[in-house]
Protein backbone atom coordinates (compact mmCIF):
# COMPACT_ATOMS: atom_id res chain seq x y z
CA UNK A 1 34.61 7.61 -2.41
CA UNK A 2 35.41 10.11 -5.16
CA UNK A 3 33.22 13.22 -5.32
CA UNK A 4 34.40 13.86 -8.87
CA UNK A 5 33.17 10.42 -9.92
CA UNK A 6 29.77 11.05 -8.32
CA UNK A 7 29.38 14.28 -10.28
CA UNK A 8 30.53 12.52 -13.46
CA UNK A 9 28.12 9.61 -12.96
CA UNK A 10 25.19 11.96 -12.35
CA UNK A 11 26.03 14.23 -15.29
CA UNK A 12 26.39 11.30 -17.71
CA UNK A 13 23.52 9.12 -16.48
CA UNK A 14 20.90 11.41 -14.94
CA UNK A 15 18.24 10.53 -17.57
CA UNK A 16 18.61 6.84 -16.71
CA UNK A 17 18.45 7.57 -12.98
CA UNK A 18 15.28 9.63 -13.47
CA UNK A 19 13.63 6.94 -15.62
CA UNK A 20 14.49 4.33 -13.01
CA UNK A 21 13.12 6.50 -10.19
CA UNK A 22 9.98 7.21 -12.21
CA UNK A 23 9.40 3.50 -12.77
CA UNK A 24 9.95 2.85 -9.06
CA UNK A 25 7.36 5.47 -8.08
CA UNK A 26 4.90 4.26 -10.72
CA UNK A 27 5.01 0.63 -9.58
CA UNK A 28 4.96 1.56 -5.88
CA UNK A 29 2.06 4.01 -6.23
CA UNK A 30 -0.11 1.85 -8.48
CA UNK A 31 0.67 -1.26 -6.42
CA UNK A 32 -0.23 0.55 -3.19
CA UNK A 33 -3.53 1.86 -4.58
CA UNK A 34 -4.58 -1.52 -5.96
CA UNK A 35 -3.35 -3.27 -2.83
CA UNK A 36 -5.35 -0.88 -0.63
CA UNK A 37 -8.48 -1.63 -2.67
CA UNK A 38 -7.85 -5.38 -2.36
CA UNK A 39 -7.22 -5.05 1.36
CA UNK A 40 -10.35 -2.95 1.83
CA UNK A 41 -12.54 -5.51 0.07
CA UNK A 42 -11.02 -8.43 1.97
CA UNK A 43 -11.29 -6.57 5.26
CA UNK A 44 -14.97 -5.90 4.63
CA UNK A 45 -15.67 -9.52 3.69
CA UNK A 46 -13.82 -10.91 6.71
CA UNK A 47 -15.84 -8.74 9.10
CA UNK A 48 -19.26 -9.87 7.81
CA UNK A 49 -21.10 -11.49 10.74
CA UNK A 50 -21.25 -15.28 10.31
CA UNK A 51 -24.73 -16.76 10.91
CA UNK A 52 -25.07 -19.61 13.37
CA UNK A 53 -26.43 -22.01 10.75
CA UNK A 54 -27.45 -22.33 7.11
CA UNK A 55 -25.84 -22.20 3.67
CA UNK A 56 -24.66 -18.62 4.19
CA UNK A 57 -22.58 -19.75 7.15
CA UNK A 58 -20.88 -22.48 5.10
CA UNK A 59 -20.15 -20.06 2.23
CA UNK A 60 -18.70 -17.39 4.52
CA UNK A 61 -16.58 -19.97 6.33
CA UNK A 62 -15.16 -21.22 3.02
CA UNK A 63 -14.51 -17.68 1.73
CA UNK A 64 -12.82 -16.67 5.00
CA UNK A 65 -10.63 -19.78 4.85
CA UNK A 66 -9.52 -18.93 1.29
CA UNK A 67 -8.82 -15.29 2.20
CA UNK A 68 -6.92 -16.31 5.33
CA UNK A 69 -4.75 -18.64 3.25
CA UNK A 70 -4.04 -15.83 0.78
CA UNK A 71 -3.09 -13.42 3.57
CA UNK A 72 -0.85 -15.87 5.39
CA UNK A 73 0.88 -17.00 2.20
CA UNK A 74 1.74 -13.55 0.87
CA UNK A 75 2.66 -12.20 4.32
CA UNK A 76 4.80 -15.25 5.02
CA UNK A 77 6.86 -15.35 1.81
CA UNK A 78 9.37 -12.76 0.48
CA UNK A 79 8.29 -10.54 -2.40
CA UNK A 80 11.40 -11.52 -4.36
CA UNK A 81 10.31 -15.16 -4.29
CA UNK A 82 6.74 -14.21 -5.21
CA UNK A 83 8.04 -12.28 -8.22
CA UNK A 84 10.09 -15.25 -9.40
CA UNK A 85 7.22 -17.71 -8.96
CA UNK A 86 4.58 -15.49 -10.60
CA UNK A 87 6.67 -14.27 -13.56
CA UNK A 88 8.78 -17.30 -14.41
CA UNK A 89 6.42 -19.88 -12.92
CA UNK A 90 3.45 -18.71 -14.95
CA UNK A 91 5.52 -19.03 -18.13
CA UNK A 92 6.78 -22.52 -17.28
CA UNK A 93 3.57 -23.94 -15.83
CA UNK A 94 0.90 -22.27 -17.97
CA UNK A 95 2.79 -20.83 -20.94
CA UNK A 96 1.75 -17.29 -19.98
CA UNK A 97 4.25 -14.68 -21.16
CA UNK A 98 3.53 -11.79 -18.80
CA UNK A 99 4.69 -8.26 -19.43
CA UNK A 100 7.39 -7.41 -16.86
CA UNK A 101 5.76 -4.15 -15.76
CA UNK A 102 2.36 -5.82 -15.47
CA UNK A 103 3.91 -8.66 -13.46
CA UNK A 104 5.67 -6.15 -11.19
CA UNK A 105 2.47 -4.20 -10.48
CA UNK A 106 0.59 -7.46 -9.91
CA UNK A 107 3.18 -8.74 -7.43
CA UNK A 108 3.29 -5.48 -5.46
CA UNK A 109 -0.51 -5.22 -5.47
CA UNK A 110 -1.27 -8.70 -4.13
CA UNK A 111 1.56 -8.46 -1.61
CA UNK A 112 0.31 -5.09 -0.38
CA UNK A 113 -3.27 -6.38 -0.38
CA UNK A 114 -2.35 -9.11 2.10
CA UNK A 115 -0.92 -6.58 4.54
CA UNK A 116 -3.67 -4.02 3.99
CA UNK A 117 -6.37 -6.64 4.61
CA UNK A 118 -5.15 -7.06 8.19
CA UNK A 119 -4.75 -3.29 8.62
CA UNK A 120 -8.33 -2.72 7.43
CA UNK A 121 -9.70 -5.54 9.57
CA UNK A 122 -7.93 -4.07 12.60
CA UNK A 123 -9.35 -0.64 11.76
CA UNK A 124 -12.90 -2.02 11.55
CA UNK A 125 -12.54 -3.96 14.80
CA UNK A 126 -11.27 -0.81 16.56
CA UNK A 127 -14.56 0.99 15.90
CA UNK A 128 -16.78 1.00 18.97
CA UNK A 129 -19.45 -1.73 18.83
CA UNK A 130 -22.03 0.78 19.96
CA UNK A 131 -21.84 2.43 16.55
CA UNK A 132 -22.73 -0.85 14.85
CA UNK A 133 -25.64 -1.37 17.25
CA UNK A 134 -26.89 2.18 16.75
CA UNK A 135 -26.76 1.82 12.95
CA UNK A 136 -28.63 -1.49 13.09
CA UNK A 137 -31.17 0.05 15.48
CA UNK A 138 -32.18 2.65 12.87
CA UNK A 139 -32.59 -0.03 10.20
CA UNK A 140 -29.22 -0.11 8.44
CA UNK A 141 -27.95 -3.45 7.15
CA UNK A 142 -24.29 -4.50 7.27
CA UNK A 143 -23.37 -2.90 3.94
CA UNK A 144 -25.08 0.40 4.79
CA UNK A 145 -23.43 0.45 8.21
CA UNK A 146 -20.02 -0.09 6.67
CA UNK A 147 -20.42 2.48 3.90
CA UNK A 148 -22.04 5.26 5.93
CA UNK A 149 -20.69 4.82 9.45
CA UNK A 150 -17.62 2.59 9.67
CA UNK A 151 -15.57 3.08 6.49
CA UNK A 152 -15.20 6.90 6.73
CA UNK A 153 -13.61 6.41 10.16
CA UNK A 154 -11.56 3.39 9.11
CA UNK A 155 -10.06 5.12 6.06
CA UNK A 156 -8.98 8.05 8.22
CA UNK A 157 -7.53 5.73 10.88
CA UNK A 158 -5.56 3.55 8.45
CA UNK A 159 -4.13 6.42 6.39
CA UNK A 160 -0.80 6.45 8.32
CA UNK A 161 -0.42 2.68 7.86
CA UNK A 162 -1.29 2.98 4.17
CA UNK A 163 1.30 5.73 3.73
CA UNK A 164 3.87 3.61 5.53
CA UNK A 165 3.09 0.74 3.17
CA UNK A 166 3.66 3.08 0.20
CA UNK A 167 7.10 4.02 1.57
CA UNK A 168 7.91 0.33 2.08
CA UNK A 169 6.85 -0.42 -1.50
CA UNK A 170 9.15 2.29 -2.87
CA UNK A 171 12.08 0.45 -1.29
CA UNK A 172 10.82 -3.07 -1.96
CA UNK A 173 10.49 -2.50 -5.71
CA UNK A 174 14.27 -3.06 -5.78
CA UNK A 175 13.65 -6.82 -5.53
CA UNK A 176 11.84 -6.70 -8.89
CA UNK A 177 15.22 -6.52 -10.62
CA UNK A 178 15.12 -10.35 -10.53
CA UNK A 179 12.52 -10.21 -13.32
CA UNK A 180 14.47 -7.45 -15.13
CA UNK A 181 12.12 -4.57 -14.35
CA UNK A 182 14.01 -1.35 -15.09
CA UNK A 183 13.35 0.33 -11.74
CA UNK A 184 15.98 2.38 -9.90
CA UNK A 185 18.02 -0.51 -8.50
CA UNK A 186 18.19 -2.34 -11.86
CA UNK A 187 19.12 0.90 -13.63
CA UNK A 188 21.85 1.65 -11.09
CA UNK A 189 23.25 -1.85 -11.43
CA UNK A 190 23.47 -1.35 -15.20
CA UNK A 191 25.20 2.02 -14.78
CA UNK A 192 27.68 0.57 -12.26
CA UNK A 193 28.39 -2.31 -14.62
CA UNK A 194 29.39 0.15 -17.31
CA UNK A 195 31.67 2.40 -15.25
CA UNK A 196 32.84 -0.13 -12.61
CA UNK A 197 32.27 2.52 -9.91
CA UNK A 198 29.80 0.53 -7.80
CA UNK A 199 30.11 2.52 -4.60
CA UNK A 200 29.58 5.91 -6.21
CA UNK A 201 26.74 4.66 -8.43
CA UNK A 202 24.82 3.07 -5.59
CA UNK A 203 25.51 6.07 -3.36
CA UNK A 204 23.58 8.16 -5.89
CA UNK A 205 20.76 5.58 -5.86
CA UNK A 206 20.75 5.58 -2.07
CA UNK A 207 20.31 9.36 -1.98
CA UNK A 208 17.51 9.15 -4.56
CA UNK A 209 15.64 6.50 -2.55
CA UNK A 210 15.99 8.68 0.55
CA UNK A 211 14.69 11.78 -1.25
CA UNK A 212 11.69 9.90 -2.66
CA UNK A 213 10.68 8.38 0.67
CA UNK A 214 11.25 11.68 2.50
CA UNK A 215 9.05 13.64 0.08
CA UNK A 216 6.30 11.01 0.18
CA UNK A 217 6.41 10.95 3.99
CA UNK A 218 6.12 14.76 4.20
CA UNK A 219 3.18 14.79 1.78
CA UNK A 220 1.37 12.07 3.74
CA UNK A 221 1.97 13.88 7.04
CA UNK A 222 0.44 17.01 5.48
CA UNK A 223 -2.73 15.16 4.51
CA UNK A 224 -2.92 13.52 7.94
CA UNK A 225 -2.84 16.93 9.60
CA UNK A 226 -5.55 18.17 7.23
CA UNK A 227 -7.79 15.25 8.19
CA UNK A 228 -7.24 15.91 11.88
CA UNK A 229 -8.53 19.46 11.49
CA UNK A 230 -7.24 22.68 13.07
CA UNK A 231 -5.88 22.65 16.60
CA UNK A 232 -7.93 25.69 17.67
CA UNK A 233 -11.33 24.72 16.27
CA UNK A 234 -14.49 25.89 18.03
CA UNK A 235 -17.50 23.63 18.48
CA UNK A 236 -20.61 25.02 16.77
CA UNK A 237 -23.11 26.20 19.34
CA UNK A 238 -26.90 26.32 19.22
CA UNK A 239 -28.04 29.87 18.27
CA UNK A 240 -30.27 30.04 21.36
CA UNK A 241 -27.33 29.00 23.57
CA UNK A 242 -25.11 31.55 21.85
CA UNK A 243 -27.68 34.31 22.55
CA UNK A 244 -27.93 33.24 26.19
CA UNK A 245 -24.18 33.63 26.65
CA UNK A 246 -24.26 37.26 25.54
């Protein structure tokens, strides 16, 4: 490895590296947000209690079967294959000429949604059943129970997993080069093709991926600590009790 070549590559191509890194972060962030929304909706639907009989039972069973198929398919196939099928397959089968960036965000979103759906479902199941029973006892329906009691806890509990999925998406956007999305990997491959210094070029990309994931991880850890609250908090006491202690 030549340090001089690394400096030369960075000095000559830093705008391209930055554009590639920016595109990587844009696709990963937007895909994670949309995927989290998809996963949240699917997780809520899949935890709706199924009645013992009636049309509602048949509808929920059918919807759950469709959602389960979606989850298993996108969790069980590589994102690189999904990108090829969605981008090139839609053009060949339906004549749809998708924008590459739109296709990339779509692929990352639906892939993330499949993973987030299981994360959300696990978060909902982890909530103590007594909270559901208490909410129903005071007259809340399923939607009200979810919105007012369950979801605030679930969102806090799944934040680490959501952040981890964001970090994974930053790295996994590299597979989108198969549909010619100009993210960091595609940009680095173009730079290396021009200077024939593949090791040095991809070493720069490697460091940039590491810096991006490290910064994102630190930011997420900061927000997690904020949600946990201070370590030395004091429980609020009843004024009468506080007077009695004096």
